[in-house]
Full PDB file with SEQRES, HELIX, SHEET, SSBOND, CRYST1, ORIGX, SCALE, CONECT and MASTER records, all heavy atoms in Angstrom:
SEQRES   1 A   42  PRO TYR GLU ILE VAL ALA LYS MET GLY ARG MET GLY LEU          
SEQRES   2 A   42  PHE GLY LEU PRO PHE SER GLU GLU TYR GLY GLY MET GLY          
SEQRES   3 A   42  GLY ASP PHE LEU ALA VAL CYS VAL ALA LEU GLU GLU LEU          
SEQRES   4 A   42  ALA ARG VAL                                                  
HELIX    1 AA1 TYR A    2  MET A   11  1                                  10    
HELIX    2 AA2 LEU A   13  GLY A   15  5                                   3    
HELIX    3 AA3 GLU A   20  TYR A   22  5                                   3    
HELIX    4 AA4 PHE A   29  ALA A   40  1                                  12    
CRYST1    1.000    1.000    1.000  90.00  90.00  90.00 P 1           1          
ORIGX1      1.000000  0.000000  0.000000        0.00000                         
ORIGX2      0.000000  1.000000  0.000000        0.00000                         
ORIGX3      0.000000  0.000000  1.000000        0.00000                         
SCALE1      1.000000  0.000000  0.000000        0.00000                         
SCALE2      0.000000  1.000000  0.000000        0.00000                         
SCALE3      0.000000  0.000000  1.000000        0.00000                         
ATOM      1  N   PRO A   1     129.274  83.993 227.061  1.00  0.00           N  
ATOM      2  CA  PRO A   1     130.530  84.656 227.489  1.00  0.00           C  
ATOM      3  C   PRO A   1     130.276  85.976 228.209  1.00  0.00           C  
ATOM      4  O   PRO A   1     130.626  87.055 227.699  1.00  0.00           O  
ATOM      5  CB  PRO A   1     131.269  84.857 226.162  1.00  0.00           C  
ATOM      6  CG  PRO A   1     130.169  85.056 225.167  1.00  0.00           C  
ATOM      7  CD  PRO A   1     129.041  84.168 225.609  1.00  0.00           C  
ATOM      8  N   TYR A   2     129.738  85.915 229.417  1.00  0.00           N  
ATOM      9  CA  TYR A   2     129.358  87.136 230.126  1.00  0.00           C  
ATOM     10  C   TYR A   2     130.548  88.073 230.368  1.00  0.00           C  
ATOM     11  O   TYR A   2     130.428  89.283 230.204  1.00  0.00           O  
ATOM     12  CB  TYR A   2     128.727  86.774 231.480  1.00  0.00           C  
ATOM     13  CG  TYR A   2     127.306  86.270 231.354  1.00  0.00           C  
ATOM     14  CD1 TYR A   2     127.034  84.906 231.499  1.00  0.00           C  
ATOM     15  CD2 TYR A   2     126.252  87.139 231.099  1.00  0.00           C  
ATOM     16  CE1 TYR A   2     125.719  84.423 231.394  1.00  0.00           C  
ATOM     17  CE2 TYR A   2     124.947  86.672 230.994  1.00  0.00           C  
ATOM     18  CZ  TYR A   2     124.694  85.311 231.134  1.00  0.00           C  
ATOM     19  OH  TYR A   2     123.413  84.850 231.011  1.00  0.00           O  
ATOM     20  N   GLU A   3     131.702  87.539 230.761  1.00  0.00           N  
ATOM     21  CA  GLU A   3     132.852  88.394 231.029  1.00  0.00           C  
ATOM     22  C   GLU A   3     133.346  89.077 229.760  1.00  0.00           C  
ATOM     23  O   GLU A   3     133.716  90.261 229.798  1.00  0.00           O  
ATOM     24  CB  GLU A   3     133.970  87.566 231.669  1.00  0.00           C  
ATOM     25  CG  GLU A   3     133.662  87.109 233.080  1.00  0.00           C  
ATOM     26  CD  GLU A   3     134.878  86.458 233.756  1.00  0.00           C  
ATOM     27  OE1 GLU A   3     136.012  86.618 233.240  1.00  0.00           O  
ATOM     28  OE2 GLU A   3     134.668  85.820 234.793  1.00  0.00           O  
ATOM     29  N   ILE A   4     133.343  88.359 228.652  1.00  0.00           N  
ATOM     30  CA  ILE A   4     133.753  88.953 227.368  1.00  0.00           C  
ATOM     31  C   ILE A   4     132.783  90.045 226.976  1.00  0.00           C  
ATOM     32  O   ILE A   4     133.182  91.132 226.531  1.00  0.00           O  
ATOM     33  CB  ILE A   4     133.831  87.878 226.282  1.00  0.00           C  
ATOM     34  CG1 ILE A   4     134.985  86.923 226.582  1.00  0.00           C  
ATOM     35  CG2 ILE A   4     134.012  88.493 224.907  1.00  0.00           C  
ATOM     36  CD1 ILE A   4     135.027  85.715 225.662  1.00  0.00           C  
ATOM     37  N   VAL A   5     131.495  89.810 227.138  1.00  0.00           N  
ATOM     38  CA  VAL A   5     130.476  90.815 226.799  1.00  0.00           C  
ATOM     39  C   VAL A   5     130.655  92.057 227.656  1.00  0.00           C  
ATOM     40  O   VAL A   5     130.568  93.188 227.182  1.00  0.00           O  
ATOM     41  CB  VAL A   5     129.065  90.228 226.969  1.00  0.00           C  
ATOM     42  CG1 VAL A   5     127.998  91.316 226.894  1.00  0.00           C  
ATOM     43  CG2 VAL A   5     128.790  89.175 225.908  1.00  0.00           C  
ATOM     44  N   ALA A   6     130.940  91.854 228.948  1.00  0.00           N  
ATOM     45  CA  ALA A   6     131.156  93.012 229.839  1.00  0.00           C  
ATOM     46  C   ALA A   6     132.368  93.811 229.391  1.00  0.00           C  
ATOM     47  O   ALA A   6     132.335  95.067 229.397  1.00  0.00           O  
ATOM     48  CB  ALA A   6     131.341  92.536 231.276  1.00  0.00           C  
ATOM     49  N   LYS A   7     133.412  93.141 228.975  1.00  0.00           N  
ATOM     50  CA  LYS A   7     134.613  93.844 228.497  1.00  0.00           C  
ATOM     51  C   LYS A   7     134.312  94.592 227.194  1.00  0.00           C  
ATOM     52  O   LYS A   7     134.775  95.732 227.016  1.00  0.00           O  
ATOM     53  CB  LYS A   7     135.753  92.849 228.284  1.00  0.00           C  
ATOM     54  CG  LYS A   7     136.334  92.285 229.585  1.00  0.00           C  
ATOM     55  CD  LYS A   7     137.407  91.227 229.315  1.00  0.00           C  
ATOM     56  CE  LYS A   7     137.937  90.649 230.613  1.00  0.00           C  
ATOM     57  NZ  LYS A   7     138.938  89.574 230.403  1.00  0.00           N  
ATOM     58  N   MET A   8     133.548  93.983 226.310  1.00  0.00           N  
ATOM     59  CA  MET A   8     133.173  94.678 225.070  1.00  0.00           C  
ATOM     60  C   MET A   8     132.318  95.893 225.384  1.00  0.00           C  
ATOM     61  O   MET A   8     132.431  96.941 224.707  1.00  0.00           O  
ATOM     62  CB  MET A   8     132.416  93.741 224.128  1.00  0.00           C  
ATOM     63  CG  MET A   8     133.281  92.642 223.547  1.00  0.00           C  
ATOM     64  SD  MET A   8     132.531  91.803 222.111  1.00  0.00           S  
ATOM     65  CE  MET A   8     131.061  91.088 222.845  1.00  0.00           C  
ATOM     66  N   GLY A   9     131.466  95.791 226.415  1.00  0.00           N  
ATOM     67  CA  GLY A   9     130.677  96.947 226.826  1.00  0.00           C  
ATOM     68  C   GLY A   9     131.549  98.070 227.304  1.00  0.00           C  
ATOM     69  O   GLY A   9     131.344  99.251 226.953  1.00  0.00           O  
ATOM     70  N   ARG A  10     132.563  97.727 228.116  1.00  0.00           N  
ATOM     71  CA  ARG A  10     133.474  98.781 228.613  1.00  0.00           C  
ATOM     72  C   ARG A  10     134.293  99.392 227.497  1.00  0.00           C  
ATOM     73  O   ARG A  10     134.679 100.567 227.590  1.00  0.00           O  
ATOM     74  CB  ARG A  10     134.366  98.204 229.705  1.00  0.00           C  
ATOM     75  CG  ARG A  10     133.645  97.838 230.999  1.00  0.00           C  
ATOM     76  CD  ARG A  10     134.600  97.560 232.124  1.00  0.00           C  
ATOM     77  NE  ARG A  10     135.358  96.339 231.974  1.00  0.00           N  
ATOM     78  CZ  ARG A  10     134.961  95.129 232.383  1.00  0.00           C  
ATOM     79  NH1 ARG A  10     133.779  95.013 232.988  1.00  0.00           N  
ATOM     80  NH2 ARG A  10     135.718  94.074 232.216  1.00  0.00           N  
ATOM     81  N   MET A  11     134.529  98.641 226.437  1.00  0.00           N  
ATOM     82  CA  MET A  11     135.264  99.177 225.282  1.00  0.00           C  
ATOM     83  C   MET A  11     134.395 100.088 224.427  1.00  0.00           C  
ATOM     84  O   MET A  11     134.881 100.790 223.540  1.00  0.00           O  
ATOM     85  CB  MET A  11     135.772  98.034 224.401  1.00  0.00           C  
ATOM     86  CG  MET A  11     136.889  97.196 225.039  1.00  0.00           C  
ATOM     87  SD  MET A  11     137.251  95.715 224.072  1.00  0.00           S  
ATOM     88  CE  MET A  11     137.876  96.408 222.538  1.00  0.00           C  
ATOM     89  N   GLY A  12     133.088 100.053 224.655  1.00  0.00           N  
ATOM     90  CA  GLY A  12     132.164 100.896 223.888  1.00  0.00           C  
ATOM     91  C   GLY A  12     131.662 100.256 222.599  1.00  0.00           C  
ATOM     92  O   GLY A  12     131.040 100.922 221.794  1.00  0.00           O  
ATOM     93  N   LEU A  13     131.914  98.935 222.434  1.00  0.00           N  
ATOM     94  CA  LEU A  13     131.550  98.303 221.154  1.00  0.00           C  
ATOM     95  C   LEU A  13     130.051  98.260 220.929  1.00  0.00           C  
ATOM     96  O   LEU A  13     129.575  98.377 219.791  1.00  0.00           O  
ATOM     97  CB  LEU A  13     132.140  96.889 221.090  1.00  0.00           C  
ATOM     98  CG  LEU A  13     133.659  96.752 221.171  1.00  0.00           C  
ATOM     99  CD1 LEU A  13     134.098  95.316 220.893  1.00  0.00           C  
ATOM    100  CD2 LEU A  13     134.361  97.719 220.187  1.00  0.00           C  
ATOM    101  N   PHE A  14     129.258  98.100 222.001  1.00  0.00           N  
ATOM    102  CA  PHE A  14     127.803  98.040 221.832  1.00  0.00           C  
ATOM    103  C   PHE A  14     127.210  99.414 221.509  1.00  0.00           C  
ATOM    104  O   PHE A  14     126.073  99.499 221.034  1.00  0.00           O  
ATOM    105  CB  PHE A  14     127.138  97.472 223.098  1.00  0.00           C  
ATOM    106  CG  PHE A  14     127.319  96.002 223.261  1.00  0.00           C  
ATOM    107  CD1 PHE A  14     128.347  95.484 224.042  1.00  0.00           C  
ATOM    108  CD2 PHE A  14     126.471  95.111 222.627  1.00  0.00           C  
ATOM    109  CE1 PHE A  14     128.527  94.117 224.207  1.00  0.00           C  
ATOM    110  CE2 PHE A  14     126.639  93.757 222.783  1.00  0.00           C  
ATOM    111  CZ  PHE A  14     127.666  93.238 223.554  1.00  0.00           C  
ATOM    112  N   GLY A  15     127.986 100.475 221.726  1.00  0.00           N  
ATOM    113  CA  GLY A  15     127.488 101.795 221.444  1.00  0.00           C  
ATOM    114  C   GLY A  15     128.093 102.454 220.214  1.00  0.00           C  
ATOM    115  O   GLY A  15     127.864 103.644 219.965  1.00  0.00           O  
ATOM    116  N   LEU A  16     128.837 101.685 219.422  1.00  0.00           N  
ATOM    117  CA  LEU A  16     129.600 102.244 218.334  1.00  0.00           C  
ATOM    118  C   LEU A  16     128.799 103.173 217.396  1.00  0.00           C  
ATOM    119  O   LEU A  16     129.226 104.298 217.114  1.00  0.00           O  
ATOM    120  CB  LEU A  16     130.268 101.135 217.503  1.00  0.00           C  
ATOM    121  CG  LEU A  16     131.592 100.585 218.069  1.00  0.00           C  
ATOM    122  CD1 LEU A  16     132.034  99.369 217.288  1.00  0.00           C  
ATOM    123  CD2 LEU A  16     132.669 101.664 218.062  1.00  0.00           C  
ATOM    124  N   PRO A  17     127.627 102.746 216.870  1.00  0.00           N  
ATOM    125  CA  PRO A  17     126.969 103.571 215.870  1.00  0.00           C  
ATOM    126  C   PRO A  17     125.948 104.565 216.420  1.00  0.00           C  
ATOM    127  O   PRO A  17     125.247 105.220 215.650  1.00  0.00           O  
ATOM    128  CB  PRO A  17     126.249 102.530 215.006  1.00  0.00           C  
ATOM    129  CG  PRO A  17     125.830 101.493 215.993  1.00  0.00           C  
ATOM    130  CD  PRO A  17     126.911 101.460 217.034  1.00  0.00           C  
ATOM    131  N   PHE A  18     125.861 104.696 217.730  1.00  0.00           N  
ATOM    132  CA  PHE A  18     124.839 105.513 218.340  1.00  0.00           C  
ATOM    133  C   PHE A  18     125.389 106.846 218.848  1.00  0.00           C  
ATOM    134  O   PHE A  18     126.559 106.930 219.231  1.00  0.00           O  
ATOM    135  CB  PHE A  18     124.138 104.755 219.474  1.00  0.00           C  
ATOM    136  CG  PHE A  18     123.603 103.420 219.056  1.00  0.00           C  
ATOM    137  CD1 PHE A  18     124.114 102.257 219.582  1.00  0.00           C  
ATOM    138  CD2 PHE A  18     122.604 103.339 218.090  1.00  0.00           C  
ATOM    139  CE1 PHE A  18     123.635 101.011 219.194  1.00  0.00           C  
ATOM    140  CE2 PHE A  18     122.120 102.099 217.690  1.00  0.00           C  
ATOM    141  CZ  PHE A  18     122.629 100.934 218.228  1.00  0.00           C  
ATOM    142  N   SER A  19     124.548 107.856 218.851  1.00  0.00           N  
ATOM    143  CA  SER A  19     125.013 109.196 219.238  1.00  0.00           C  
ATOM    144  C   SER A  19     125.340 109.248 220.726  1.00  0.00           C  
ATOM    145  O   SER A  19     124.796 108.505 221.534  1.00  0.00           O  
ATOM    146  CB  SER A  19     123.955 110.252 218.881  1.00  0.00           C  
ATOM    147  OG  SER A  19     122.754 109.993 219.577  1.00  0.00           O  
ATOM    148  N   GLU A  20     126.224 110.168 221.073  1.00  0.00           N  
ATOM    149  CA  GLU A  20     126.713 110.265 222.430  1.00  0.00           C  
ATOM    150  C   GLU A  20     125.622 110.667 223.420  1.00  0.00           C  
ATOM    151  O   GLU A  20     125.706 110.319 224.603  1.00  0.00           O  
ATOM    152  CB  GLU A  20     127.869 111.284 222.481  1.00  0.00           C  
ATOM    153  CG  GLU A  20     129.103 110.805 221.684  1.00  0.00           C  
ATOM    154  CD  GLU A  20     130.221 111.826 221.697  1.00  0.00           C  
ATOM    155  OE1 GLU A  20     130.112 112.825 222.450  1.00  0.00           O  
ATOM    156  OE2 GLU A  20     131.195 111.649 220.950  1.00  0.00           O  
ATOM    157  N   GLU A  21     124.600 111.376 222.947  1.00  0.00           N  
ATOM    158  CA  GLU A  21     123.540 111.806 223.873  1.00  0.00           C  
ATOM    159  C   GLU A  21     122.786 110.647 224.479  1.00  0.00           C  
ATOM    160  O   GLU A  21     122.136 110.774 225.521  1.00  0.00           O  
ATOM    161  CB  GLU A  21     122.567 112.753 223.180  1.00  0.00           C  
ATOM    162  CG  GLU A  21     121.764 112.135 222.054  1.00  0.00           C  
ATOM    163  CD  GLU A  21     120.758 113.119 221.480  1.00  0.00           C  
ATOM    164  OE1 GLU A  21     120.007 113.751 222.257  1.00  0.00           O  
ATOM    165  OE2 GLU A  21     120.703 113.237 220.234  1.00  0.00           O  
ATOM    166  N   TYR A  22     122.858 109.459 223.833  1.00  0.00           N  
ATOM    167  CA  TYR A  22     122.203 108.286 224.367  1.00  0.00           C  
ATOM    168  C   TYR A  22     123.194 107.263 224.934  1.00  0.00           C  
ATOM    169  O   TYR A  22     122.871 106.105 225.156  1.00  0.00           O  
ATOM    170  CB  TYR A  22     121.341 107.619 223.294  1.00  0.00           C  
ATOM    171  CG  TYR A  22     120.296 108.523 222.716  1.00  0.00           C  
ATOM    172  CD1 TYR A  22     120.306 108.890 221.363  1.00  0.00           C  
ATOM    173  CD2 TYR A  22     119.285 109.051 223.520  1.00  0.00           C  
ATOM    174  CE1 TYR A  22     119.353 109.720 220.844  1.00  0.00           C  
ATOM    175  CE2 TYR A  22     118.309 109.910 223.001  1.00  0.00           C  
ATOM    176  CZ  TYR A  22     118.347 110.247 221.664  1.00  0.00           C  
ATOM    177  OH  TYR A  22     117.400 111.075 221.151  1.00  0.00           O  
ATOM    178  N   GLY A  23     124.424 107.702 225.145  1.00  0.00           N  
ATOM    179  CA  GLY A  23     125.453 106.831 225.706  1.00  0.00           C  
ATOM    180  C   GLY A  23     126.298 106.119 224.679  1.00  0.00           C  
ATOM    181  O   GLY A  23     127.099 105.236 225.041  1.00  0.00           O  
ATOM    182  N   GLY A  24     126.151 106.458 223.393  1.00  0.00           N  
ATOM    183  CA  GLY A  24     126.900 105.810 222.339  1.00  0.00           C  
ATOM    184  C   GLY A  24     128.249 106.440 222.117  1.00  0.00           C  
ATOM    185  O   GLY A  24     128.655 107.376 222.816  1.00  0.00           O  
ATOM    186  N   MET A  25     128.941 105.920 221.113  1.00  0.00           N  
ATOM    187  CA  MET A  25     130.294 106.376 220.809  1.00  0.00           C  
ATOM    188  C   MET A  25     130.343 107.400 219.680  1.00  0.00           C  
ATOM    189  O   MET A  25     131.409 107.900 219.338  1.00  0.00           O  
ATOM    190  CB  MET A  25     131.175 105.178 220.443  1.00  0.00           C  
ATOM    191  CG  MET A  25     131.312 104.130 221.542  1.00  0.00           C  
ATOM    192  SD  MET A  25     132.173 104.741 223.001  1.00  0.00           S  
ATOM    193  CE  MET A  25     133.840 104.850 222.356  1.00  0.00           C  
ATOM    194  N   GLY A  26     129.193 107.650 219.055  1.00  0.00           N  
ATOM    195  CA  GLY A  26     129.144 108.644 217.973  1.00  0.00           C  
ATOM    196  C   GLY A  26     129.795 108.206 216.702  1.00  0.00           C  
ATOM    197  O   GLY A  26     130.151 109.032 215.855  1.00  0.00           O  
ATOM    198  N   GLY A  27     129.951 106.890 216.499  1.00  0.00           N  
ATOM    199  CA  GLY A  27     130.557 106.381 215.269  1.00  0.00           C  
ATOM    200  C   GLY A  27     129.537 106.106 214.202  1.00  0.00           C  
ATOM    201  O   GLY A  27     128.462 106.692 214.168  1.00  0.00           O  
ATOM    202  N   ASP A  28     129.855 105.164 213.310  1.00  0.00           N  
ATOM    203  CA  ASP A  28     128.948 104.832 212.228  1.00  0.00           C  
ATOM    204  C   ASP A  28     128.822 103.320 212.104  1.00  0.00           C  
ATOM    205  O   ASP A  28     129.433 102.561 212.847  1.00  0.00           O  
ATOM    206  CB  ASP A  28     129.415 105.462 210.885  1.00  0.00           C  
ATOM    207  CG  ASP A  28     130.832 105.044 210.505  1.00  0.00           C  
ATOM    208  OD1 ASP A  28     131.270 103.948 210.909  1.00  0.00           O  
ATOM    209  OD2 ASP A  28     131.515 105.810 209.799  1.00  0.00           O  
ATOM    210  N   PHE A  29     127.991 102.890 211.147  1.00  0.00           N  
ATOM    211  CA  PHE A  29     127.696 101.466 211.027  1.00  0.00           C  
ATOM    212  C   PHE A  29     128.913 100.686 210.507  1.00  0.00           C  
ATOM    213  O   PHE A  29     129.059  99.496 210.835  1.00  0.00           O  
ATOM    214  CB  PHE A  29     126.512 101.263 210.082  1.00  0.00           C  
ATOM    215  CG  PHE A  29     125.843  99.933 210.271  1.00  0.00           C  
ATOM    216  CD1 PHE A  29     125.005  99.711 211.355  1.00  0.00           C  
ATOM    217  CD2 PHE A  29     126.043  98.879 209.377  1.00  0.00           C  
ATOM    218  CE1 PHE A  29     124.391  98.476 211.550  1.00  0.00           C  
ATOM    219  CE2 PHE A  29     125.417  97.661 209.556  1.00  0.00           C  
ATOM    220  CZ  PHE A  29     124.595  97.464 210.642  1.00  0.00           C  
ATOM    221  N   LEU A  30     129.765 101.332 209.737  1.00  0.00           N  
ATOM    222  CA  LEU A  30     130.978 100.646 209.249  1.00  0.00           C  
ATOM    223  C   LEU A  30     131.875 100.272 210.445  1.00  0.00           C  
ATOM    224  O   LEU A  30     132.520  99.226 210.415  1.00  0.00           O  
ATOM    225  CB  LEU A  30     131.748 101.525 208.269  1.00  0.00           C  
ATOM    226  CG  LEU A  30     133.044 100.916 207.712  1.00  0.00           C  
ATOM    227  CD1 LEU A  30     132.789  99.607 207.014  1.00  0.00           C  
ATOM    228  CD2 LEU A  30     133.749 101.907 206.770  1.00  0.00           C  
ATOM    229  N   ALA A  31     131.878 101.103 211.461  1.00  0.00           N  
ATOM    230  CA  ALA A  31     132.677 100.782 212.651  1.00  0.00           C  
ATOM    231  C   ALA A  31     132.223  99.478 213.273  1.00  0.00           C  
ATOM    232  O   ALA A  31     133.048  98.647 213.693  1.00  0.00           O  
ATOM    233  CB  ALA A  31     132.570 101.925 213.684  1.00  0.00           C  
ATOM    234  N   VAL A  32     130.899  99.257 213.334  1.00  0.00           N  
ATOM    235  CA  VAL A  32     130.374  97.997 213.841  1.00  0.00           C  
ATOM    236  C   VAL A  32     130.868  96.833 212.981  1.00  0.00           C  
ATOM    237  O   VAL A  32     131.288  95.785 213.489  1.00  0.00           O  
ATOM    238  CB  VAL A  32     128.847  98.022 213.887  1.00  0.00           C  
ATOM    239  CG1 VAL A  32     128.282  96.689 214.410  1.00  0.00           C  
ATOM    240  CG2 VAL A  32     128.338  99.171 214.728  1.00  0.00           C  
ATOM    241  N   CYS A  33     130.792  97.011 211.669  1.00  0.00           N  
ATOM    242  CA  CYS A  33     131.213  95.944 210.748  1.00  0.00           C  
ATOM    243  C   CYS A  33     132.676  95.612 210.915  1.00  0.00           C  
ATOM    244  O   CYS A  33     133.056  94.428 210.902  1.00  0.00           O  
ATOM    245  CB  CYS A  33     130.916  96.379 209.308  1.00  0.00           C  
ATOM    246  SG  CYS A  33     129.154  96.546 208.925  1.00  0.00           S  
ATOM    247  N   VAL A  34     133.502  96.631 211.074  1.00  0.00           N  
ATOM    248  CA  VAL A  34     134.954  96.394 211.266  1.00  0.00           C  
ATOM    249  C   VAL A  34     135.177  95.586 212.526  1.00  0.00           C  
ATOM    250  O   VAL A  34     135.985  94.633 212.569  1.00  0.00           O  
ATOM    251  CB  VAL A  34     135.690  97.731 211.313  1.00  0.00           C  
ATOM    252  CG1 VAL A  34     137.141  97.548 211.801  1.00  0.00           C  
ATOM    253  CG2 VAL A  34     135.695  98.396 209.938  1.00  0.00           C  
ATOM    254  N   ALA A  35     134.462  95.942 213.615  1.00  0.00           N  
ATOM    255  CA  ALA A  35     134.605  95.217 214.870  1.00  0.00           C  
ATOM    256  C   ALA A  35     134.140  93.768 214.723  1.00  0.00           C  
ATOM    257  O   ALA A  35     134.774  92.828 215.219  1.00  0.00           O  
ATOM    258  CB  ALA A  35     133.827  95.922 215.968  1.00  0.00           C  
ATOM    259  N   LEU A  36     133.015  93.574 214.027  1.00  0.00           N  
ATOM    260  CA  LEU A  36     132.480  92.228 213.839  1.00  0.00           C  
ATOM    261  C   LEU A  36     133.446  91.338 213.052  1.00  0.00           C  
ATOM    262  O   LEU A  36     133.620  90.154 213.376  1.00  0.00           O  
ATOM    263  CB  LEU A  36     131.139  92.287 213.122  1.00  0.00           C  
ATOM    264  CG  LEU A  36     129.969  92.862 213.916  1.00  0.00           C  
ATOM    265  CD1 LEU A  36     128.763  93.063 213.016  1.00  0.00           C  
ATOM    266  CD2 LEU A  36     129.614  91.932 215.081  1.00  0.00           C  
ATOM    267  N   GLU A  37     134.039  91.890 212.013  1.00  0.00           N  
ATOM    268  CA  GLU A  37     134.989  91.102 211.226  1.00  0.00           C  
ATOM    269  C   GLU A  37     136.140  90.605 212.082  1.00  0.00           C  
ATOM    270  O   GLU A  37     136.518  89.430 212.010  1.00  0.00           O  
ATOM    271  CB  GLU A  37     135.514  91.923 210.036  1.00  0.00           C  
ATOM    272  CG  GLU A  37     136.477  91.111 209.180  1.00  0.00           C  
ATOM    273  CD  GLU A  37     137.046  91.886 207.988  1.00  0.00           C  
ATOM    274  OE1 GLU A  37     136.459  92.906 207.581  1.00  0.00           O  
ATOM    275  OE2 GLU A  37     138.088  91.453 207.451  1.00  0.00           O  
ATOM    276  N   GLU A  38     136.710  91.488 212.897  1.00  0.00           N  
ATOM    277  CA  GLU A  38     137.846  91.099 213.709  1.00  0.00           C  
ATOM    278  C   GLU A  38     137.462  90.085 214.793  1.00  0.00           C  
ATOM    279  O   GLU A  38     138.218  89.147 215.082  1.00  0.00           O  
ATOM    280  CB  GLU A  38     138.503  92.338 214.347  1.00  0.00           C  
ATOM    281  CG  GLU A  38     139.189  93.246 213.335  1.00  0.00           C  
ATOM    282  CD  GLU A  38     140.230  92.504 212.496  1.00  0.00           C  
ATOM    283  OE1 GLU A  38     140.976  91.657 213.068  1.00  0.00           O  
ATOM    284  OE2 GLU A  38     140.315  92.775 211.296  1.00  0.00           O  
ATOM    285  N   LEU A  39     136.313  90.245 215.400  1.00  0.00           N  
ATOM    286  CA  LEU A  39     135.852  89.269 216.394  1.00  0.00           C  
ATOM    287  C   LEU A  39     135.640  87.898 215.777  1.00  0.00           C  
ATOM    288  O   LEU A  39     136.013  86.867 216.334  1.00  0.00           O  
ATOM    289  CB  LEU A  39     134.577  89.769 217.063  1.00  0.00           C  
ATOM    290  CG  LEU A  39     134.716  90.938 218.028  1.00  0.00           C  
ATOM    291  CD1 LEU A  39     133.313  91.437 218.442  1.00  0.00           C  
ATOM    292  CD2 LEU A  39     135.521  90.563 219.262  1.00  0.00           C  
ATOM    293  N   ALA A  40     134.986  87.892 214.596  1.00  0.00           N  
ATOM    294  CA  ALA A  40     134.644  86.612 213.951  1.00  0.00           C  
ATOM    295  C   ALA A  40     135.865  85.887 213.424  1.00  0.00           C  
ATOM    296  O   ALA A  40     135.792  84.677 213.162  1.00  0.00           O  
ATOM    297  CB  ALA A  40     133.625  86.840 212.839  1.00  0.00           C  
ATOM    298  N   ARG A  41     136.983  86.577 213.250  1.00  0.00           N  
ATOM    299  CA  ARG A  41     138.222  85.893 212.879  1.00  0.00           C  
ATOM    300  C   ARG A  41     138.646  84.908 213.956  1.00  0.00           C  
ATOM    301  O   ARG A  41     139.372  83.943 213.694  1.00  0.00           O  
ATOM    302  CB  ARG A  41     139.356  86.899 212.630  1.00  0.00           C  
ATOM    303  CG  ARG A  41     139.241  87.658 211.328  1.00  0.00           C  
ATOM    304  CD  ARG A  41     140.335  88.689 211.179  1.00  0.00           C  
ATOM    305  NE  ARG A  41     141.642  88.087 210.891  1.00  0.00           N  
ATOM    306  CZ  ARG A  41     142.726  88.789 210.548  1.00  0.00           C  
ATOM    307  NH1 ARG A  41     142.650  90.109 210.451  1.00  0.00           N  
ATOM    308  NH2 ARG A  41     143.865  88.179 210.308  1.00  0.00           N  
ATOM    309  N   VAL A  42     138.172  85.136 215.173  1.00  0.00           N  
ATOM    310  CA  VAL A  42     138.477  84.274 216.330  1.00  0.00           C  
ATOM    311  C   VAL A  42     137.292  83.451 216.742  1.00  0.00           C  
ATOM    312  O   VAL A  42     137.400  82.256 216.990  1.00  0.00           O  
ATOM    313  CB  VAL A  42     139.005  85.137 217.507  1.00  0.00           C  
ATOM    314  CG1 VAL A  42     139.123  84.291 218.765  1.00  0.00           C  
ATOM    315  CG2 VAL A  42     140.338  85.780 217.150  1.00  0.00           C  
TER     316      VAL A  42                                                      
MASTER        0    0    0    4    0    0    0    6  315    1    0    4          
END                                                                             
């Protein structure tokens, strides 16, 4: 699903737990888990 992956990239999902200095969103690992749960519901 290349288009879906590109959209997730633009949403910042791949950078959720990483610091902003490396292009991340500055979040934490729980944020990744929350996103994964909602995606896997579909």
